[in-house]
Amino acid sequence: ALRVCRRVCGDESREVATALGNVGLVLFNQGQIEASMAKYEDAHAMYVLLHGEDHEDVARVLVNMAAVLDAQGKGSEAVAMQEKALGIKRRTLVGSDRNGVAEELLNLGMP
C-alpha cells in the first residue's frame, strides 16, 4: 500500500506520511517497536517538511512516537515528546478541535 501511495501521490505527500504512520502503528501492534519508531520518524520528517513544526499531523505522530518511547522504557523521553505534542495542539487547535488538548493532558496524567 505504501508503494502504491508513493507512486500515485509522490514521495513527499501527506498521504505518504499518513501511510508511514499507519505502517508504524501496525508494526507497534505486532511488537516490532524499533521498526515502528523508524516509520514514525519518517512520517514525522515528512509532516514537518510539508507543514512545518506546528501542525496537528506533527503532533499526532509525536504522540505515537511517545508511545513507542514508553514501550521501550524511556518514560522521561516519552513525557517530553508528549509535552511537545501538547504544545503544538495548544497553539494550533481551536473550537471543538481543542478536545485534542484534553486528550494530551490525560495522556500526561493531568486532569
PDB file of N, CA and C in Angstrom:
ATOM      1  N   ALA A   1       0.825  -1.198   0.000  1.00  0.00           N
ATOM      2  CA  ALA A   1       0.000   0.000   0.000  1.00  0.00           C
ATOM      3  C   ALA A   1       0.868   1.260   0.000  1.00  0.00           C
ATOM      4  N   LEU A   2       1.957   1.207   0.755  1.00  0.00           N
ATOM      5  CA  LEU A   2       2.845   2.364   0.817  1.00  0.00           C
ATOM      6  C   LEU A   2       3.484   2.633  -0.543  1.00  0.00           C
ATOM      7  N   ARG A   3       3.894   1.572  -1.229  1.00  0.00           N
ATOM      8  CA  ARG A   3       4.493   1.741  -2.561  1.00  0.00           C
ATOM      9  C   ARG A   3       3.498   2.355  -3.540  1.00  0.00           C
ATOM     10  N   VAL A   4       2.273   1.876  -3.497  1.00  0.00           N
ATOM     11  CA  VAL A   4       1.232   2.408  -4.386  1.00  0.00           C
ATOM     12  C   VAL A   4       0.980   3.877  -4.062  1.00  0.00           C
ATOM     13  N   CYS A   5       0.906   4.184  -2.797  1.00  0.00           N
ATOM     14  CA  CYS A   5       0.671   5.565  -2.373  1.00  0.00           C
ATOM     15  C   CYS A   5       1.786   6.477  -2.879  1.00  0.00           C
ATOM     16  N   ARG A   6       3.025   6.027  -2.772  1.00  0.00           N
ATOM     17  CA  ARG A   6       4.150   6.832  -3.266  1.00  0.00           C
ATOM     18  C   ARG A   6       4.076   7.026  -4.777  1.00  0.00           C
ATOM     19  N   ARG A   7       3.693   5.968  -5.475  1.00  0.00           N
ATOM     20  CA  ARG A   7       3.613   6.058  -6.928  1.00  0.00           C
ATOM     21  C   ARG A   7       2.500   7.020  -7.353  1.00  0.00           C
ATOM     22  N   VAL A   8       1.379   6.970  -6.673  1.00  0.00           N
ATOM     23  CA  VAL A   8       0.228   7.793  -7.044  1.00  0.00           C
ATOM     24  C   VAL A   8       0.375   9.237  -6.547  1.00  0.00           C
ATOM     25  N   CYS A   9       0.825   9.407  -5.310  1.00  0.00           N
ATOM     26  CA  CYS A   9       0.842  10.733  -4.684  1.00  0.00           C
ATOM     27  C   CYS A   9       2.203  11.414  -4.706  1.00  0.00           C
ATOM     28  N   GLY A  10       3.245  10.676  -5.040  1.00  0.00           N
ATOM     29  CA  GLY A  10       4.596  11.229  -4.975  1.00  0.00           C
ATOM     30  C   GLY A  10       5.236  10.887  -3.645  1.00  0.00           C
ATOM     31  N   ASP A  11       6.556  10.990  -3.609  1.00  0.00           N
ATOM     32  CA  ASP A  11       7.285  10.601  -2.399  1.00  0.00           C
ATOM     33  C   ASP A  11       7.037  11.520  -1.215  1.00  0.00           C
ATOM     34  N   GLU A  12       6.749  12.780  -1.468  1.00  0.00           N
ATOM     35  CA  GLU A  12       6.557  13.744  -0.392  1.00  0.00           C
ATOM     36  C   GLU A  12       5.129  14.269  -0.417  1.00  0.00           C
ATOM     37  N   SER A  13       4.255  13.554   0.268  1.00  0.00           N
ATOM     38  CA  SER A  13       2.852  13.954   0.324  1.00  0.00           C
ATOM     39  C   SER A  13       2.280  13.590   1.682  1.00  0.00           C
ATOM     40  N   ARG A  14       1.191  14.250   2.026  1.00  0.00           N
ATOM     41  CA  ARG A  14       0.520  13.953   3.294  1.00  0.00           C
ATOM     42  C   ARG A  14       0.040  12.503   3.307  1.00  0.00           C
ATOM     43  N   GLU A  15      -0.397  12.022   2.162  1.00  0.00           N
ATOM     44  CA  GLU A  15      -0.887  10.643   2.074  1.00  0.00           C
ATOM     45  C   GLU A  15       0.228   9.643   2.377  1.00  0.00           C
ATOM     46  N   VAL A  16       1.415   9.901   1.864  1.00  0.00           N
ATOM     47  CA  VAL A  16       2.546   9.010   2.144  1.00  0.00           C
ATOM     48  C   VAL A  16       2.923   9.097   3.622  1.00  0.00           C
ATOM     49  N   ALA A  17       2.948  10.298   4.176  1.00  0.00           N
ATOM     50  CA  ALA A  17       3.258  10.453   5.598  1.00  0.00           C
ATOM     51  C   ALA A  17       2.238   9.706   6.454  1.00  0.00           C
ATOM     52  N   THR A  18       0.969   9.801   6.091  1.00  0.00           N
ATOM     53  CA  THR A  18      -0.079   9.085   6.821  1.00  0.00           C
ATOM     54  C   THR A  18       0.112   7.582   6.691  1.00  0.00           C
ATOM     55  N   ALA A  19       0.439   7.115   5.490  1.00  0.00           N
ATOM     56  CA  ALA A  19       0.688   5.681   5.281  1.00  0.00           C
ATOM     57  C   ALA A  19       1.872   5.208   6.116  1.00  0.00           C
ATOM     58  N   LEU A  20       2.927   6.010   6.187  1.00  0.00           N
ATOM     59  CA  LEU A  20       4.081   5.655   7.019  1.00  0.00           C
ATOM     60  C   LEU A  20       3.665   5.521   8.484  1.00  0.00           C
ATOM     61  N   GLY A  21       2.852   6.461   8.949  1.00  0.00           N
ATOM     62  CA  GLY A  21       2.357   6.385  10.320  1.00  0.00           C
ATOM     63  C   GLY A  21       1.502   5.155  10.552  1.00  0.00           C
ATOM     64  N   ASN A  22       0.685   4.803   9.570  1.00  0.00           N
ATOM     65  CA  ASN A  22      -0.150   3.608   9.699  1.00  0.00           C
ATOM     66  C   ASN A  22       0.697   2.340   9.750  1.00  0.00           C
ATOM     67  N   VAL A  23       1.748   2.288   8.938  1.00  0.00           N
ATOM     68  CA  VAL A  23       2.667   1.143   8.987  1.00  0.00           C
ATOM     69  C   VAL A  23       3.338   1.098  10.359  1.00  0.00           C
ATOM     70  N   GLY A  24       3.711   2.263  10.875  1.00  0.00           N
ATOM     71  CA  GLY A  24       4.298   2.326  12.213  1.00  0.00           C
ATOM     72  C   GLY A  24       3.370   1.763  13.271  1.00  0.00           C
ATOM     73  N   LEU A  25       2.088   2.069  13.166  1.00  0.00           N
ATOM     74  CA  LEU A  25       1.108   1.557  14.125  1.00  0.00           C
ATOM     75  C   LEU A  25       0.981   0.044  14.035  1.00  0.00           C
ATOM     76  N   VAL A  26       0.923  -0.480  12.821  1.00  0.00           N
ATOM     77  CA  VAL A  26       0.834  -1.934  12.637  1.00  0.00           C
ATOM     78  C   VAL A  26       2.059  -2.610  13.244  1.00  0.00           C
ATOM     79  N   LEU A  27       3.232  -2.069  12.954  1.00  0.00           N
ATOM     80  CA  LEU A  27       4.462  -2.648  13.498  1.00  0.00           C
ATOM     81  C   LEU A  27       4.464  -2.589  15.025  1.00  0.00           C
ATOM     82  N   PHE A  28       4.003  -1.470  15.582  1.00  0.00           N
ATOM     83  CA  PHE A  28       3.924  -1.335  17.039  1.00  0.00           C
ATOM     84  C   PHE A  28       3.010  -2.402  17.624  1.00  0.00           C
ATOM     85  N   ASN A  29       1.847  -2.575  17.005  1.00  0.00           N
ATOM     86  CA  ASN A  29       0.889  -3.572  17.492  1.00  0.00           C
ATOM     87  C   ASN A  29       1.403  -4.996  17.353  1.00  0.00           C
ATOM     88  N   GLN A  30       2.343  -5.209  16.438  1.00  0.00           N
ATOM     89  CA  GLN A  30       2.960  -6.523  16.270  1.00  0.00           C
ATOM     90  C   GLN A  30       4.171  -6.706  17.182  1.00  0.00           C
ATOM     91  N   GLY A  31       4.477  -5.695  17.972  1.00  0.00           N
ATOM     92  CA  GLY A  31       5.609  -5.776  18.879  1.00  0.00           C
ATOM     93  C   GLY A  31       6.947  -5.439  18.247  1.00  0.00           C
ATOM     94  N   GLN A  32       6.928  -4.936  17.035  1.00  0.00           N
ATOM     95  CA  GLN A  32       8.166  -4.557  16.344  1.00  0.00           C
ATOM     96  C   GLN A  32       8.460  -3.080  16.640  1.00  0.00           C
ATOM     97  N   ILE A  33       8.886  -2.850  17.864  1.00  0.00           N
ATOM     98  CA  ILE A  33       8.993  -1.497  18.398  1.00  0.00           C
ATOM     99  C   ILE A  33      10.016  -0.643  17.646  1.00  0.00           C
ATOM    100  N   GLU A  34      11.203  -1.181  17.400  1.00  0.00           N
ATOM    101  CA  GLU A  34      12.244  -0.403  16.712  1.00  0.00           C
ATOM    102  C   GLU A  34      11.804  -0.032  15.294  1.00  0.00           C
ATOM    103  N   ALA A  35      11.248  -0.998  14.574  1.00  0.00           N
ATOM    104  CA  ALA A  35      10.783  -0.742  13.209  1.00  0.00           C
ATOM    105  C   ALA A  35       9.642   0.271  13.217  1.00  0.00           C
ATOM    106  N   SER A  36       8.801   0.189  14.240  1.00  0.00           N
ATOM    107  CA  SER A  36       7.701   1.136  14.384  1.00  0.00           C
ATOM    108  C   SER A  36       8.234   2.559  14.525  1.00  0.00           C
ATOM    109  N   MET A  37       9.220   2.731  15.385  1.00  0.00           N
ATOM    110  CA  MET A  37       9.787   4.064  15.600  1.00  0.00           C
ATOM    111  C   MET A  37      10.399   4.605  14.309  1.00  0.00           C
ATOM    112  N   ALA A  38      11.045   3.753  13.537  1.00  0.00           N
ATOM    113  CA  ALA A  38      11.647   4.198  12.272  1.00  0.00           C
ATOM    114  C   ALA A  38      10.580   4.753  11.326  1.00  0.00           C
ATOM    115  N   LYS A  39       9.442   4.084  11.236  1.00  0.00           N
ATOM    116  CA  LYS A  39       8.360   4.572  10.364  1.00  0.00           C
ATOM    117  C   LYS A  39       7.775   5.874  10.896  1.00  0.00           C
ATOM    118  N   TYR A  40       7.600   5.946  12.224  1.00  0.00           N
ATOM    119  CA  TYR A  40       7.089   7.187  12.809  1.00  0.00           C
ATOM    120  C   TYR A  40       8.059   8.344  12.578  1.00  0.00           C
ATOM    121  N   GLU A  41       9.352   8.074  12.677  1.00  0.00           N
ATOM    122  CA  GLU A  41      10.343   9.125  12.425  1.00  0.00           C
ATOM    123  C   GLU A  41      10.283   9.597  10.973  1.00  0.00           C
ATOM    124  N   ASP A  42      10.102   8.661  10.048  1.00  0.00           N
ATOM    125  CA  ASP A  42       9.953   9.034   8.636  1.00  0.00           C
ATOM    126  C   ASP A  42       8.697   9.880   8.424  1.00  0.00           C
ATOM    127  N   ALA A  43       7.593   9.469   9.059  1.00  0.00           N
ATOM    128  CA  ALA A  43       6.344  10.226   8.944  1.00  0.00           C
ATOM    129  C   ALA A  43       6.518  11.621   9.536  1.00  0.00           C
ATOM    130  N   HIS A  44       7.161  11.699  10.692  1.00  0.00           N
ATOM    131  CA  HIS A  44       7.399  12.985  11.348  1.00  0.00           C
ATOM    132  C   HIS A  44       8.197  13.915  10.442  1.00  0.00           C
ATOM    133  N   ALA A  45       9.279  13.407   9.876  1.00  0.00           N
ATOM    134  CA  ALA A  45      10.116  14.230   8.997  1.00  0.00           C
ATOM    135  C   ALA A  45       9.318  14.743   7.804  1.00  0.00           C
ATOM    136  N   MET A  46       8.471  13.900   7.249  1.00  0.00           N
ATOM    137  CA  MET A  46       7.691  14.314   6.089  1.00  0.00           C
ATOM    138  C   MET A  46       6.631  15.345   6.471  1.00  0.00           C
ATOM    139  N   TYR A  47       5.949  15.133   7.605  1.00  0.00           N
ATOM    140  CA  TYR A  47       4.959  16.113   8.045  1.00  0.00           C
ATOM    141  C   TYR A  47       5.615  17.470   8.298  1.00  0.00           C
ATOM    142  N   VAL A  48       6.786  17.474   8.928  1.00  0.00           N
ATOM    143  CA  VAL A  48       7.487  18.739   9.180  1.00  0.00           C
ATOM    144  C   VAL A  48       7.866  19.401   7.862  1.00  0.00           C
ATOM    145  N   LEU A  49       8.331  18.621   6.914  1.00  0.00           N
ATOM    146  CA  LEU A  49       8.673  19.149   5.591  1.00  0.00           C
ATOM    147  C   LEU A  49       7.452  19.779   4.921  1.00  0.00           C
ATOM    148  N   LEU A  50       6.309  19.124   5.037  1.00  0.00           N
ATOM    149  CA  LEU A  50       5.090  19.587   4.373  1.00  0.00           C
ATOM    150  C   LEU A  50       4.406  20.744   5.087  1.00  0.00           C
ATOM    151  N   HIS A  51       4.397  20.697   6.436  1.00  0.00           N
ATOM    152  CA  HIS A  51       3.580  21.636   7.207  1.00  0.00           C
ATOM    153  C   HIS A  51       4.359  22.554   8.138  1.00  0.00           C
ATOM    154  N   GLY A  52       5.615  22.256   8.408  1.00  0.00           N
ATOM    155  CA  GLY A  52       6.329  22.951   9.468  1.00  0.00           C
ATOM    156  C   GLY A  52       6.077  22.245  10.795  1.00  0.00           C
ATOM    157  N   GLU A  53       6.718  22.730  11.848  1.00  0.00           N
ATOM    158  CA  GLU A  53       6.647  22.071  13.162  1.00  0.00           C
ATOM    159  C   GLU A  53       5.269  22.161  13.816  1.00  0.00           C
ATOM    160  N   ASP A  54       4.562  23.270  13.626  1.00  0.00           N
ATOM    161  CA  ASP A  54       3.299  23.493  14.336  1.00  0.00           C
ATOM    162  C   ASP A  54       2.103  23.081  13.487  1.00  0.00           C
ATOM    163  N   HIS A  55       1.815  21.808  13.474  1.00  0.00           N
ATOM    164  CA  HIS A  55       0.668  21.292  12.731  1.00  0.00           C
ATOM    165  C   HIS A  55       0.147  20.066  13.462  1.00  0.00           C
ATOM    166  N   GLU A  56      -1.168  19.876  13.417  1.00  0.00           N
ATOM    167  CA  GLU A  56      -1.758  18.756  14.144  1.00  0.00           C
ATOM    168  C   GLU A  56      -1.247  17.399  13.668  1.00  0.00           C
ATOM    169  N   ASP A  57      -0.883  17.267  12.396  1.00  0.00           N
ATOM    170  CA  ASP A  57      -0.315  15.999  11.921  1.00  0.00           C
ATOM    171  C   ASP A  57       1.016  15.709  12.610  1.00  0.00           C
ATOM    172  N   VAL A  58       1.812  16.750  12.807  1.00  0.00           N
ATOM    173  CA  VAL A  58       3.090  16.593  13.510  1.00  0.00           C
ATOM    174  C   VAL A  58       2.820  16.167  14.949  1.00  0.00           C
ATOM    175  N   ALA A  59       1.866  16.816  15.598  1.00  0.00           N
ATOM    176  CA  ALA A  59       1.526  16.462  16.978  1.00  0.00           C
ATOM    177  C   ALA A  59       1.057  15.012  17.072  1.00  0.00           C
ATOM    178  N   ARG A  60       0.249  14.586  16.121  1.00  0.00           N
ATOM    179  CA  ARG A  60      -0.291  13.226  16.148  1.00  0.00           C
ATOM    180  C   ARG A  60       0.829  12.184  16.097  1.00  0.00           C
ATOM    181  N   VAL A  61       1.786  12.386  15.211  1.00  0.00           N
ATOM    182  CA  VAL A  61       2.865  11.403  15.099  1.00  0.00           C
ATOM    183  C   VAL A  61       3.785  11.476  16.323  1.00  0.00           C
ATOM    184  N   LEU A  62       3.928  12.653  16.925  1.00  0.00           N
ATOM    185  CA  LEU A  62       4.715  12.757  18.154  1.00  0.00           C
ATOM    186  C   LEU A  62       4.081  11.946  19.280  1.00  0.00           C
ATOM    187  N   VAL A  63       2.762  11.946  19.358  1.00  0.00           N
ATOM    188  CA  VAL A  63       2.058  11.137  20.360  1.00  0.00           C
ATOM    189  C   VAL A  63       2.370   9.657  20.145  1.00  0.00           C
ATOM    190  N   ASN A  64       2.358   9.226  18.893  1.00  0.00           N
ATOM    191  CA  ASN A  64       2.674   7.828  18.596  1.00  0.00           C
ATOM    192  C   ASN A  64       4.123   7.507  18.939  1.00  0.00           C
ATOM    193  N   MET A  65       5.017   8.430  18.653  1.00  0.00           N
ATOM    194  CA  MET A  65       6.421   8.231  18.995  1.00  0.00           C
ATOM    195  C   MET A  65       6.601   8.157  20.511  1.00  0.00           C
ATOM    196  N   ALA A  66       5.819   8.938  21.245  1.00  0.00           N
ATOM    197  CA  ALA A  66       5.872   8.889  22.707  1.00  0.00           C
ATOM    198  C   ALA A  66       5.442   7.515  23.215  1.00  0.00           C
ATOM    199  N   ALA A  67       4.450   6.917  22.573  1.00  0.00           N
ATOM    200  CA  ALA A  67       4.010   5.573  22.968  1.00  0.00           C
ATOM    201  C   ALA A  67       5.125   4.553  22.755  1.00  0.00           C
ATOM    202  N   VAL A  68       5.859   4.699  21.664  1.00  0.00           N
ATOM    203  CA  VAL A  68       6.987   3.798  21.404  1.00  0.00           C
ATOM    204  C   VAL A  68       8.057   3.983  22.475  1.00  0.00           C
ATOM    205  N   LEU A  69       8.389   5.232  22.769  1.00  0.00           N
ATOM    206  CA  LEU A  69       9.394   5.500  23.801  1.00  0.00           C
ATOM    207  C   LEU A  69       8.973   4.911  25.137  1.00  0.00           C
ATOM    208  N   ASP A  70       7.695   5.037  25.466  1.00  0.00           N
ATOM    209  CA  ASP A  70       7.185   4.462  26.710  1.00  0.00           C
ATOM    210  C   ASP A  70       7.329   2.945  26.700  1.00  0.00           C
ATOM    211  N   ALA A  71       7.013   2.318  25.580  1.00  0.00           N
ATOM    212  CA  ALA A  71       7.141   0.860  25.461  1.00  0.00           C
ATOM    213  C   ALA A  71       8.598   0.417  25.573  1.00  0.00           C
ATOM    214  N   GLN A  72       9.516   1.296  25.226  1.00  0.00           N
ATOM    215  CA  GLN A  72      10.941   1.000  25.336  1.00  0.00           C
ATOM    216  C   GLN A  72      11.477   1.276  26.735  1.00  0.00           C
ATOM    217  N   GLY A  73      10.601   1.709  27.632  1.00  0.00           N
ATOM    218  CA  GLY A  73      11.027   2.009  28.991  1.00  0.00           C
ATOM    219  C   GLY A  73      11.695   3.367  29.137  1.00  0.00           C
ATOM    220  N   LYS A  74      11.488   4.230  28.160  1.00  0.00           N
ATOM    221  CA  LYS A  74      12.091   5.567  28.171  1.00  0.00           C
ATOM    222  C   LYS A  74      11.037   6.588  28.580  1.00  0.00           C
ATOM    223  N   GLY A  75      10.589   6.461  29.821  1.00  0.00           N
ATOM    224  CA  GLY A  75       9.484   7.270  30.307  1.00  0.00           C
ATOM    225  C   GLY A  75       9.708   8.759  30.234  1.00  0.00           C
ATOM    226  N   SER A  76      10.879   9.231  30.642  1.00  0.00           N
ATOM    227  CA  SER A  76      11.110  10.677  30.639  1.00  0.00           C
ATOM    228  C   SER A  76      11.142  11.227  29.217  1.00  0.00           C
ATOM    229  N   GLU A  77      11.698  10.458  28.276  1.00  0.00           N
ATOM    230  CA  GLU A  77      11.690  10.887  26.878  1.00  0.00           C
ATOM    231  C   GLU A  77      10.268  10.874  26.318  1.00  0.00           C
ATOM    232  N   ALA A  78       9.482   9.887  26.742  1.00  0.00           N
ATOM    233  CA  ALA A  78       8.090   9.803  26.292  1.00  0.00           C
ATOM    234  C   ALA A  78       7.294  11.011  26.777  1.00  0.00           C
ATOM    235  N   VAL A  79       7.498  11.385  28.033  1.00  0.00           N
ATOM    236  CA  VAL A  79       6.795  12.548  28.582  1.00  0.00           C
ATOM    237  C   VAL A  79       7.201  13.814  27.832  1.00  0.00           C
ATOM    238  N   ALA A  80       8.483  13.970  27.552  1.00  0.00           N
ATOM    239  CA  ALA A  80       8.945  15.153  26.813  1.00  0.00           C
ATOM    240  C   ALA A  80       8.312  15.214  25.425  1.00  0.00           C
ATOM    241  N   MET A  81       8.210  14.070  24.770  1.00  0.00           N
ATOM    242  CA  MET A  81       7.604  14.011  23.438  1.00  0.00           C
ATOM    243  C   MET A  81       6.117  14.357  23.528  1.00  0.00           C
ATOM    244  N   GLN A  82       5.444  13.820  24.552  1.00  0.00           N
ATOM    245  CA  GLN A  82       4.023  14.096  24.758  1.00  0.00           C
ATOM    246  C   GLN A  82       3.808  15.584  25.027  1.00  0.00           C
ATOM    247  N   GLU A  83       4.688  16.184  25.815  1.00  0.00           N
ATOM    248  CA  GLU A  83       4.568  17.610  26.111  1.00  0.00           C
ATOM    249  C   GLU A  83       4.786  18.459  24.856  1.00  0.00           C
ATOM    250  N   LYS A  84       5.680  18.032  23.995  1.00  0.00           N
ATOM    251  CA  LYS A  84       5.887  18.740  22.731  1.00  0.00           C
ATOM    252  C   LYS A  84       4.614  18.688  21.889  1.00  0.00           C
ATOM    253  N   ALA A  85       3.986  17.511  21.831  1.00  0.00           N
ATOM    254  CA  ALA A  85       2.724  17.367  21.098  1.00  0.00           C
ATOM    255  C   ALA A  85       1.643  18.254  21.706  1.00  0.00           C
ATOM    256  N   LEU A  86       1.592  18.294  23.027  1.00  0.00           N
ATOM    257  CA  LEU A  86       0.614  19.134  23.713  1.00  0.00           C
ATOM    258  C   LEU A  86       0.815  20.602  23.353  1.00  0.00           C
ATOM    259  N   GLY A  87       2.053  21.051  23.342  1.00  0.00           N
ATOM    260  CA  GLY A  87       2.336  22.438  22.977  1.00  0.00           C
ATOM    261  C   GLY A  87       1.854  22.767  21.578  1.00  0.00           C
ATOM    262  N   ILE A  88       2.089  21.866  20.651  1.00  0.00           N
ATOM    263  CA  ILE A  88       1.630  22.080  19.274  1.00  0.00           C
ATOM    264  C   ILE A  88       0.112  22.165  19.238  1.00  0.00           C
ATOM    265  N   LYS A  89      -0.546  21.241  19.933  1.00  0.00           N
ATOM    266  CA  LYS A  89      -2.013  21.250  19.926  1.00  0.00           C
ATOM    267  C   LYS A  89      -2.560  22.512  20.572  1.00  0.00           C
ATOM    268  N   ARG A  90      -1.935  22.965  21.643  1.00  0.00           N
ATOM    269  CA  ARG A  90      -2.401  24.201  22.283  1.00  0.00           C
ATOM    270  C   ARG A  90      -2.290  25.392  21.335  1.00  0.00           C
ATOM    271  N   ARG A  91      -1.261  25.413  20.521  1.00  0.00           N
ATOM    272  CA  ARG A  91      -1.052  26.539  19.604  1.00  0.00           C
ATOM    273  C   ARG A  91      -1.909  26.457  18.353  1.00  0.00           C
ATOM    274  N   THR A  92      -2.309  25.264  17.965  1.00  0.00           N
ATOM    275  CA  THR A  92      -2.924  25.120  16.642  1.00  0.00           C
ATOM    276  C   THR A  92      -4.397  24.741  16.641  1.00  0.00           C
ATOM    277  N   LEU A  93      -4.876  24.107  17.688  1.00  0.00           N
ATOM    278  CA  LEU A  93      -6.266  23.641  17.669  1.00  0.00           C
ATOM    279  C   LEU A  93      -7.200  24.699  18.224  1.00  0.00           C
ATOM    280  N   VAL A  94      -8.368  24.813  17.596  1.00  0.00           N
ATOM    281  CA  VAL A  94      -9.372  25.784  18.018  1.00  0.00           C
ATOM    282  C   VAL A  94     -10.739  25.110  18.063  1.00  0.00           C
ATOM    283  N   GLY A  95     -11.659  25.741  18.759  1.00  0.00           N
ATOM    284  CA  GLY A  95     -13.034  25.249  18.794  1.00  0.00           C
ATOM    285  C   GLY A  95     -13.138  23.829  19.301  1.00  0.00           C
ATOM    286  N   SER A  96     -13.969  23.032  18.631  1.00  0.00           N
ATOM    287  CA  SER A  96     -14.196  21.650  19.061  1.00  0.00           C
ATOM    288  C   SER A  96     -12.934  20.804  18.933  1.00  0.00           C
ATOM    289  N   ASP A  97     -11.984  21.245  18.114  1.00  0.00           N
ATOM    290  CA  ASP A  97     -10.726  20.516  17.985  1.00  0.00           C
ATOM    291  C   ASP A  97      -9.895  20.584  19.259  1.00  0.00           C
ATOM    292  N   ARG A  98     -10.247  21.482  20.173  1.00  0.00           N
ATOM    293  CA  ARG A  98      -9.499  21.608  21.427  1.00  0.00           C
ATOM    294  C   ARG A  98      -9.600  20.343  22.268  1.00  0.00           C
ATOM    295  N   ASN A  99     -10.491  19.422  21.916  1.00  0.00           N
ATOM    296  CA  ASN A  99     -10.544  18.145  22.626  1.00  0.00           C
ATOM    297  C   ASN A  99      -9.199  17.436  22.542  1.00  0.00           C
ATOM    298  N   GLY A 100      -8.443  17.677  21.487  1.00  0.00           N
ATOM    299  CA  GLY A 100      -7.114  17.095  21.353  1.00  0.00           C
ATOM    300  C   GLY A 100      -6.184  17.542  22.465  1.00  0.00           C
ATOM    301  N   VAL A 101      -6.363  18.770  22.954  1.00  0.00           N
ATOM    302  CA  VAL A 101      -5.568  19.257  24.077  1.00  0.00           C
ATOM    303  C   VAL A 101      -5.931  18.468  25.325  1.00  0.00           C
ATOM    304  N   ALA A 102      -7.213  18.268  25.544  1.00  0.00           N
ATOM    305  CA  ALA A 102      -7.651  17.497  26.708  1.00  0.00           C
ATOM    306  C   ALA A 102      -7.105  16.075  26.659  1.00  0.00           C
ATOM    307  N   GLU A 103      -7.093  15.470  25.489  1.00  0.00           N
ATOM    308  CA  GLU A 103      -6.556  14.114  25.349  1.00  0.00           C
ATOM    309  C   GLU A 103      -5.085  14.063  25.742  1.00  0.00           C
ATOM    310  N   GLU A 104      -4.317  15.055  25.329  1.00  0.00           N
ATOM    311  CA  GLU A 104      -2.892  15.061  25.665  1.00  0.00           C
ATOM    312  C   GLU A 104      -2.677  15.292  27.151  1.00  0.00           C
ATOM    313  N   LEU A 105      -3.504  16.130  27.766  1.00  0.00           N
ATOM    314  CA  LEU A 105      -3.406  16.316  29.213  1.00  0.00           C
ATOM    315  C   LEU A 105      -3.693  15.010  29.939  1.00  0.00           C
ATOM    316  N   LEU A 106      -4.684  14.267  29.468  1.00  0.00           N
ATOM    317  CA  LEU A 106      -4.971  12.962  30.070  1.00  0.00           C
ATOM    318  C   LEU A 106      -3.811  11.996  29.867  1.00  0.00           C
ATOM    319  N   ASN A 107      -3.199  12.011  28.685  1.00  0.00           N
ATOM    320  CA  ASN A 107      -2.048  11.149  28.430  1.00  0.00           C
ATOM    321  C   ASN A 107      -0.895  11.458  29.376  1.00  0.00           C
ATOM    322  N   LEU A 108      -0.779  12.714  29.767  1.00  0.00           N
ATOM    323  CA  LEU A 108       0.274  13.121  30.691  1.00  0.00           C
ATOM    324  C   LEU A 108      -0.140  12.949  32.149  1.00  0.00           C
ATOM    325  N   GLY A 109      -1.380  12.520  32.377  1.00  0.00           N
ATOM    326  CA  GLY A 109      -1.859  12.312  33.739  1.00  0.00           C
ATOM    327  C   GLY A 109      -2.268  13.590  34.433  1.00  0.00           C
ATOM    328  N   MET A 110      -2.644  14.595  33.642  1.00  0.00           N
ATOM    329  CA  MET A 110      -3.070  15.875  34.201  1.00  0.00           C
ATOM    330  C   MET A 110      -4.569  16.027  33.989  1.00  0.00           C
ATOM    331  N   PRO A 111      -5.309  16.321  35.046  1.00  0.00           N
ATOM    332  CA  PRO A 111      -6.765  16.492  34.892  1.00  0.00           C
ATOM    333  C   PRO A 111      -7.124  17.775  34.178  1.00  0.00           C
TER     334      PRO A 111
END
